[in-house]
């Protein structure tokens, strides 16, 4: 089975599961990741908004939302979601540095200030 066929199979499986388990954060997260993997930015964003609504205290949910907002050209919302992710404890700075989904907002002064502030808090004793 080709990788694209496998992703299509998984997507259909999780879409069917989502119809029955709309309030399951794990199903929503997986479906969002599948949509993102094939470049379906709008559906991935919709699922990550749902993920945050189902699990509002999850820093990864907010981080994923920030990535989707970034790739959808919603700079201010992306930075706000990233701020929330940090406030909730998101701390994978290596992934943050390498994540190409954040490339559209990296040049923004608010993003730079947020990252500088985050790094200073982590490196402080």
Protein backbone atom coordinates (compact mmCIF):
# COMPACT_ATOMS: atom_id res chain seq x y z
CA UNK A 1 0.00 0.00 0.00
CA UNK A 2 1.34 3.42 -0.96
CA UNK A 3 1.69 6.05 1.74
CA UNK A 4 -0.93 8.25 0.08
CA UNK A 5 -3.38 5.33 0.01
CA UNK A 6 -2.72 4.67 3.68
CA UNK A 7 -3.31 8.32 4.61
CA UNK A 8 -6.54 8.32 2.58
CA UNK A 9 -7.65 5.12 4.34
CA UNK A 10 -6.85 6.60 7.77
CA UNK A 11 -8.61 9.85 6.94
CA UNK A 12 -11.79 8.05 5.93
CA UNK A 13 -11.59 5.87 9.03
CA UNK A 14 -11.23 8.86 11.37
CA UNK A 15 -13.90 10.88 9.56
CA UNK A 16 -16.32 8.00 10.15
CA UNK A 17 -15.20 7.72 13.76
CA UNK A 18 -15.61 11.49 14.19
CA UNK A 19 -19.24 11.22 13.11
CA UNK A 20 -19.83 8.98 16.15
CA UNK A 21 -17.36 10.54 18.59
CA UNK A 22 -17.40 14.28 17.91
CA UNK A 23 -16.36 15.08 21.47
CA UNK A 24 -13.30 12.85 21.59
CA UNK A 25 -10.22 15.11 21.62
CA UNK A 26 -7.93 12.32 20.41
CA UNK A 27 -10.08 11.62 17.34
CA UNK A 28 -10.19 15.34 16.57
CA UNK A 29 -6.42 15.71 16.99
CA UNK A 30 -5.65 12.76 14.73
CA UNK A 31 -8.05 13.98 12.09
CA UNK A 32 -6.47 17.43 12.18
CA UNK A 33 -3.02 15.90 11.74
CA UNK A 34 -4.23 13.82 8.80
CA UNK A 35 -5.71 16.88 7.10
CA UNK A 36 -2.48 18.81 7.70
CA UNK A 37 -0.41 15.97 6.27
CA UNK A 38 -2.16 16.31 2.91
CA UNK A 39 -2.13 20.10 2.94
CA UNK A 40 -5.82 20.59 3.71
CA UNK A 41 -5.19 23.72 5.78
CA UNK A 42 -8.79 24.81 6.22
CA UNK A 43 -10.05 21.46 7.50
CA UNK A 44 -7.02 21.06 9.74
CA UNK A 45 -7.70 24.51 11.21
CA UNK A 46 -11.35 23.63 11.77
CA UNK A 47 -10.36 20.46 13.64
CA UNK A 48 -7.75 22.23 15.76
CA UNK A 49 -10.28 24.88 16.75
CA UNK A 50 -12.51 21.99 17.81
CA UNK A 51 -9.60 20.34 19.63
CA UNK A 52 -9.00 23.51 21.67
CA UNK A 53 -12.70 23.79 22.49
CA UNK A 54 -12.74 20.18 23.73
CA UNK A 55 -9.47 20.38 25.67
CA UNK A 56 -8.84 24.05 26.47
CA UNK A 57 -6.12 23.40 29.05
CA UNK A 58 -3.99 21.31 26.68
CA UNK A 59 -0.90 23.28 25.58
CA UNK A 60 -0.34 21.04 22.55
CA UNK A 61 -3.86 21.77 21.31
CA UNK A 62 -3.11 25.50 21.42
CA UNK A 63 0.30 25.00 19.80
CA UNK A 64 -1.27 23.01 16.96
CA UNK A 65 -3.90 25.71 16.56
CA UNK A 66 -1.13 28.32 16.36
CA UNK A 67 0.51 26.33 13.57
CA UNK A 68 -2.74 26.06 11.61
CA UNK A 69 -3.49 29.73 12.07
CA UNK A 70 0.01 30.58 10.88
CA UNK A 71 -0.27 28.49 7.72
CA UNK A 72 -3.70 30.03 7.06
CA UNK A 73 -2.30 33.57 7.21
CA UNK A 74 -3.90 34.51 10.52
CA UNK A 75 -0.81 36.03 12.14
CA UNK A 76 -2.26 37.75 15.19
CA UNK A 77 -4.46 34.80 16.10
CA UNK A 78 -1.49 32.45 15.66
CA UNK A 79 0.65 34.48 18.04
CA UNK A 80 -2.19 34.61 20.58
CA UNK A 81 -2.61 30.83 20.39
CA UNK A 82 1.14 30.40 20.85
CA UNK A 83 1.03 32.71 23.89
CA UNK A 84 -1.71 30.53 25.34
CA UNK A 85 0.28 27.37 24.63
CA UNK A 86 3.24 28.83 26.52
CA UNK A 87 1.03 29.97 29.40
CA UNK A 88 -0.32 26.43 29.67
CA UNK A 89 3.19 24.96 29.76
CA UNK A 90 4.22 24.25 26.17
CA UNK A 91 8.01 23.99 26.25
CA UNK A 92 9.29 22.01 23.26
CA UNK A 93 11.56 24.79 22.06
CA UNK A 94 13.51 22.58 19.65
CA UNK A 95 10.29 21.68 17.81
CA UNK A 96 9.22 25.32 17.93
CA UNK A 97 12.51 26.28 16.29
CA UNK A 98 12.25 23.60 13.57
CA UNK A 99 8.51 23.71 12.86
CA UNK A 100 8.00 25.05 9.33
CA UNK A 101 4.33 25.72 10.06
CA UNK A 102 5.43 28.77 12.03
CA UNK A 103 7.61 30.13 9.21
CA UNK A 104 4.87 32.50 7.98
CA UNK A 105 4.91 34.37 11.32
CA UNK A 106 8.60 34.16 12.31
CA UNK A 107 9.38 37.61 10.85
CA UNK A 108 6.60 39.31 12.83
CA UNK A 109 7.79 41.55 15.67
CA UNK A 110 5.18 40.13 18.09
CA UNK A 111 6.42 36.60 17.38
CA UNK A 112 10.04 37.62 17.91
CA UNK A 113 9.17 39.34 21.19
CA UNK A 114 7.16 36.34 22.38
CA UNK A 115 10.03 33.95 21.63
CA UNK A 116 12.63 36.23 23.21
CA UNK A 117 10.46 36.49 26.33
CA UNK A 118 9.96 32.71 26.44
CA UNK A 119 13.67 31.97 26.06
CA UNK A 120 14.58 34.47 28.78
CA UNK A 121 12.13 32.80 31.19
CA UNK A 122 13.58 29.37 30.49
CA UNK A 123 17.20 30.44 30.80
CA UNK A 124 16.62 32.41 34.01
CA UNK A 125 17.57 30.63 37.26
